[in-house]
Amino acid sequence: KLIRRSFNPKQGFERIVIDFSTNQIPKVYGHISSSDKNLYVDFFDTTIAKDLQNIGSTKFVDKVNFFPIESNYLSMEIKLKEKVTADIFFLENPGRLVIDLKN
């Protein structure tokens, strides 16, 4: 449905939030490749909104790419500017996947 971001300079982390149109998030699988500086997240049983606005380049993110693999399977690639750590969690009602990036 929506992807948004914020940066908290006092705490030194960037937050990326993926909003879903459902109360719960779909099944996900993620992988961080520190050698490639990429974060990959696969979403099962979901599709991407046609009017999704990308967040572009941010503090830690160079680019976000979405790849529809099948009609209900979506892969997201976050290209990072540098090596970071990621805290990833989800919230419900409405469903959100939250990614906190920090170095």
C-alpha atoms as a PDB file:
ATOM      1  CA  LYS A   1       0.000   0.000   0.000  1.00  0.00           C
ATOM      2  CA  LEU A   2       2.687   2.517   1.057  1.00  0.00           C
ATOM      3  CA  ILE A   3       6.376   2.804   1.902  1.00  0.00           C
ATOM      4  CA  ARG A   4       7.603   5.645   4.112  1.00  0.00           C
ATOM      5  CA  ARG A   5      10.714   6.604   6.050  1.00  0.00           C
ATOM      6  CA  SER A   6      12.018   8.819   8.799  1.00  0.00           C
ATOM      7  CA  PHE A   7      15.428   9.554  10.306  1.00  0.00           C
ATOM      8  CA  ASN A   8      16.090  10.195  13.992  1.00  0.00           C
ATOM      9  CA  PRO A   9      19.500  11.938  14.271  1.00  0.00           C
ATOM     10  CA  LYS A  10      19.517  11.820  18.092  1.00  0.00           C
ATOM     11  CA  GLN A  11      19.127   8.051  18.142  1.00  0.00           C
ATOM     12  CA  GLY A  12      21.040   7.565  14.882  1.00  0.00           C
ATOM     13  CA  PHE A  13      18.619   5.276  13.086  1.00  0.00           C
ATOM     14  CA  GLU A  14      16.531   5.422   9.961  1.00  0.00           C
ATOM     15  CA  ARG A  15      13.096   3.814  10.010  1.00  0.00           C
ATOM     16  CA  ILE A  16      11.470   2.363   6.910  1.00  0.00           C
ATOM     17  CA  VAL A  17       7.828   1.332   7.211  1.00  0.00           C
ATOM     18  CA  ILE A  18       5.929  -0.756   4.677  1.00  0.00           C
ATOM     19  CA  ASP A  19       2.183  -0.310   5.159  1.00  0.00           C
ATOM     20  CA  PHE A  20      -0.249  -3.022   4.086  1.00  0.00           C
ATOM     21  CA  SER A  21      -3.959  -2.726   3.355  1.00  0.00           C
ATOM     22  CA  THR A  22      -4.666  -5.629   5.738  1.00  0.00           C
ATOM     23  CA  ASN A  23      -4.642  -5.828   9.540  1.00  0.00           C
ATOM     24  CA  GLN A  24      -1.797  -8.352   9.517  1.00  0.00           C
ATOM     25  CA  ILE A  25       1.303  -8.477   7.350  1.00  0.00           C
ATOM     26  CA  PRO A  26       1.754 -11.302   4.857  1.00  0.00           C
ATOM     27  CA  LYS A  27       4.271 -14.061   5.401  1.00  0.00           C
ATOM     28  CA  VAL A  28       7.763 -12.631   4.793  1.00  0.00           C
ATOM     29  CA  TYR A  29      11.311 -13.876   4.402  1.00  0.00           C
ATOM     30  CA  GLY A  30      14.332 -11.592   4.693  1.00  0.00           C
ATOM     31  CA  HIS A  31      18.079 -11.691   4.171  1.00  0.00           C
ATOM     32  CA  ILE A  32      20.832  -9.126   4.743  1.00  0.00           C
ATOM     33  CA  SER A  33      23.899  -9.394   2.515  1.00  0.00           C
ATOM     34  CA  SER A  34      26.585  -7.349   4.255  1.00  0.00           C
ATOM     35  CA  SER A  35      29.090  -8.007   1.474  1.00  0.00           C
ATOM     36  CA  ASP A  36      26.697  -6.608  -1.163  1.00  0.00           C
ATOM     37  CA  LYS A  37      25.182  -4.014   1.216  1.00  0.00           C
ATOM     38  CA  ASN A  38      21.675  -5.194   0.318  1.00  0.00           C
ATOM     39  CA  LEU A  39      18.595  -6.128   2.311  1.00  0.00           C
ATOM     40  CA  TYR A  40      16.149  -8.491   0.628  1.00  0.00           C
ATOM     41  CA  VAL A  41      12.556  -9.100   1.746  1.00  0.00           C
ATOM     42  CA  ASP A  42      10.157 -11.482   0.018  1.00  0.00           C
ATOM     43  CA  PHE A  43       6.422 -11.057   0.587  1.00  0.00           C
ATOM     44  CA  PHE A  44       4.072 -13.996   0.062  1.00  0.00           C
ATOM     45  CA  ASP A  45       0.373 -13.670  -0.806  1.00  0.00           C
ATOM     46  CA  THR A  46       0.587  -9.966  -1.573  1.00  0.00           C
ATOM     47  CA  THR A  47       0.756  -7.561  -4.493  1.00  0.00           C
ATOM     48  CA  ILE A  48       2.156  -4.068  -4.890  1.00  0.00           C
ATOM     49  CA  ALA A  49      -0.071  -0.994  -5.184  1.00  0.00           C
ATOM     50  CA  LYS A  50       0.037   0.465  -8.683  1.00  0.00           C
ATOM     51  CA  ASP A  51       0.483   3.990  -7.292  1.00  0.00           C
ATOM     52  CA  LEU A  52       3.196   3.123  -4.715  1.00  0.00           C
ATOM     53  CA  GLN A  53       5.577   6.066  -4.266  1.00  0.00           C
ATOM     54  CA  ASN A  54       9.191   4.982  -3.722  1.00  0.00           C
ATOM     55  CA  ILE A  55      11.226   6.648  -0.944  1.00  0.00           C
ATOM     56  CA  GLY A  56      14.274   7.280  -3.154  1.00  0.00           C
ATOM     57  CA  SER A  57      17.722   7.903  -1.716  1.00  0.00           C
ATOM     58  CA  THR A  58      17.859   8.479   2.068  1.00  0.00           C
ATOM     59  CA  LYS A  59      20.435   8.537   4.895  1.00  0.00           C
ATOM     60  CA  PHE A  60      21.318   4.807   4.622  1.00  0.00           C
ATOM     61  CA  VAL A  61      19.307   3.718   1.558  1.00  0.00           C
ATOM     62  CA  ASP A  62      20.553   4.220  -1.976  1.00  0.00           C
ATOM     63  CA  LYS A  63      17.548   2.706  -3.723  1.00  0.00           C
ATOM     64  CA  VAL A  64      14.523   0.451  -3.155  1.00  0.00           C
ATOM     65  CA  ASN A  65      13.465  -1.936  -5.919  1.00  0.00           C
ATOM     66  CA  PHE A  66      10.329  -4.054  -6.084  1.00  0.00           C
ATOM     67  CA  PHE A  67      10.101  -7.151  -8.251  1.00  0.00           C
ATOM     68  CA  PRO A  68       6.706  -8.827  -8.764  1.00  0.00           C
ATOM     69  CA  ILE A  69       7.708 -12.489  -9.140  1.00  0.00           C
ATOM     70  CA  GLU A  70       4.251 -14.013  -9.567  1.00  0.00           C
ATOM     71  CA  SER A  71       0.721 -12.686  -9.241  1.00  0.00           C
ATOM     72  CA  ASN A  72       0.848 -12.942  -5.418  1.00  0.00           C
ATOM     73  CA  TYR A  73       4.582 -12.980  -4.664  1.00  0.00           C
ATOM     74  CA  LEU A  74       6.688  -9.820  -4.379  1.00  0.00           C
ATOM     75  CA  SER A  75      10.393  -9.316  -3.722  1.00  0.00           C
ATOM     76  CA  MET A  76      11.881  -6.080  -2.356  1.00  0.00           C
ATOM     77  CA  GLU A  77      15.570  -5.161  -2.600  1.00  0.00           C
ATOM     78  CA  ILE A  78      16.944  -2.314  -0.487  1.00  0.00           C
ATOM     79  CA  LYS A  79      20.347  -1.172  -1.760  1.00  0.00           C
ATOM     80  CA  LEU A  80      22.273   0.316   1.155  1.00  0.00           C
ATOM     81  CA  LYS A  81      24.908   3.062   1.036  1.00  0.00           C
ATOM     82  CA  GLU A  82      27.011   1.443   3.753  1.00  0.00           C
ATOM     83  CA  LYS A  83      27.091  -1.549   6.054  1.00  0.00           C
ATOM     84  CA  VAL A  84      24.343  -1.222   8.657  1.00  0.00           C
ATOM     85  CA  THR A  85      22.533  -3.339  11.190  1.00  0.00           C
ATOM     86  CA  ALA A  86      18.794  -3.843  10.888  1.00  0.00           C
ATOM     87  CA  ASP A  87      16.122  -4.383  13.518  1.00  0.00           C
ATOM     88  CA  ILE A  88      13.018  -5.726  11.787  1.00  0.00           C
ATOM     89  CA  PHE A  89       9.606  -6.202  13.370  1.00  0.00           C
ATOM     90  CA  PHE A  90       5.945  -6.030  12.459  1.00  0.00           C
ATOM     91  CA  LEU A  91       2.897  -4.267  13.855  1.00  0.00           C
ATOM     92  CA  GLU A  92      -0.762  -5.135  13.358  1.00  0.00           C
ATOM     93  CA  ASN A  93      -4.039  -3.232  12.940  1.00  0.00           C
ATOM     94  CA  PRO A  94      -3.091  -1.987  10.370  1.00  0.00           C
ATOM     95  CA  GLY A  95      -0.337  -4.350   9.190  1.00  0.00           C
ATOM     96  CA  ARG A  96       3.129  -2.762   8.983  1.00  0.00           C
ATOM     97  CA  LEU A  97       6.630  -4.097   8.511  1.00  0.00           C
ATOM     98  CA  VAL A  98       9.176  -1.857  10.257  1.00  0.00           C
ATOM     99  CA  ILE A  99      12.898  -1.820   9.415  1.00  0.00           C
ATOM    100  CA  ASP A 100      15.240   0.219  11.618  1.00  0.00           C
ATOM    101  CA  LEU A 101      18.677   0.754  10.058  1.00  0.00           C
ATOM    102  CA  LYS A 102      21.711   1.983  12.029  1.00  0.00           C
ATOM    103  CA  ASN A 103      25.465   1.899  11.701  1.00  0.00           C
END
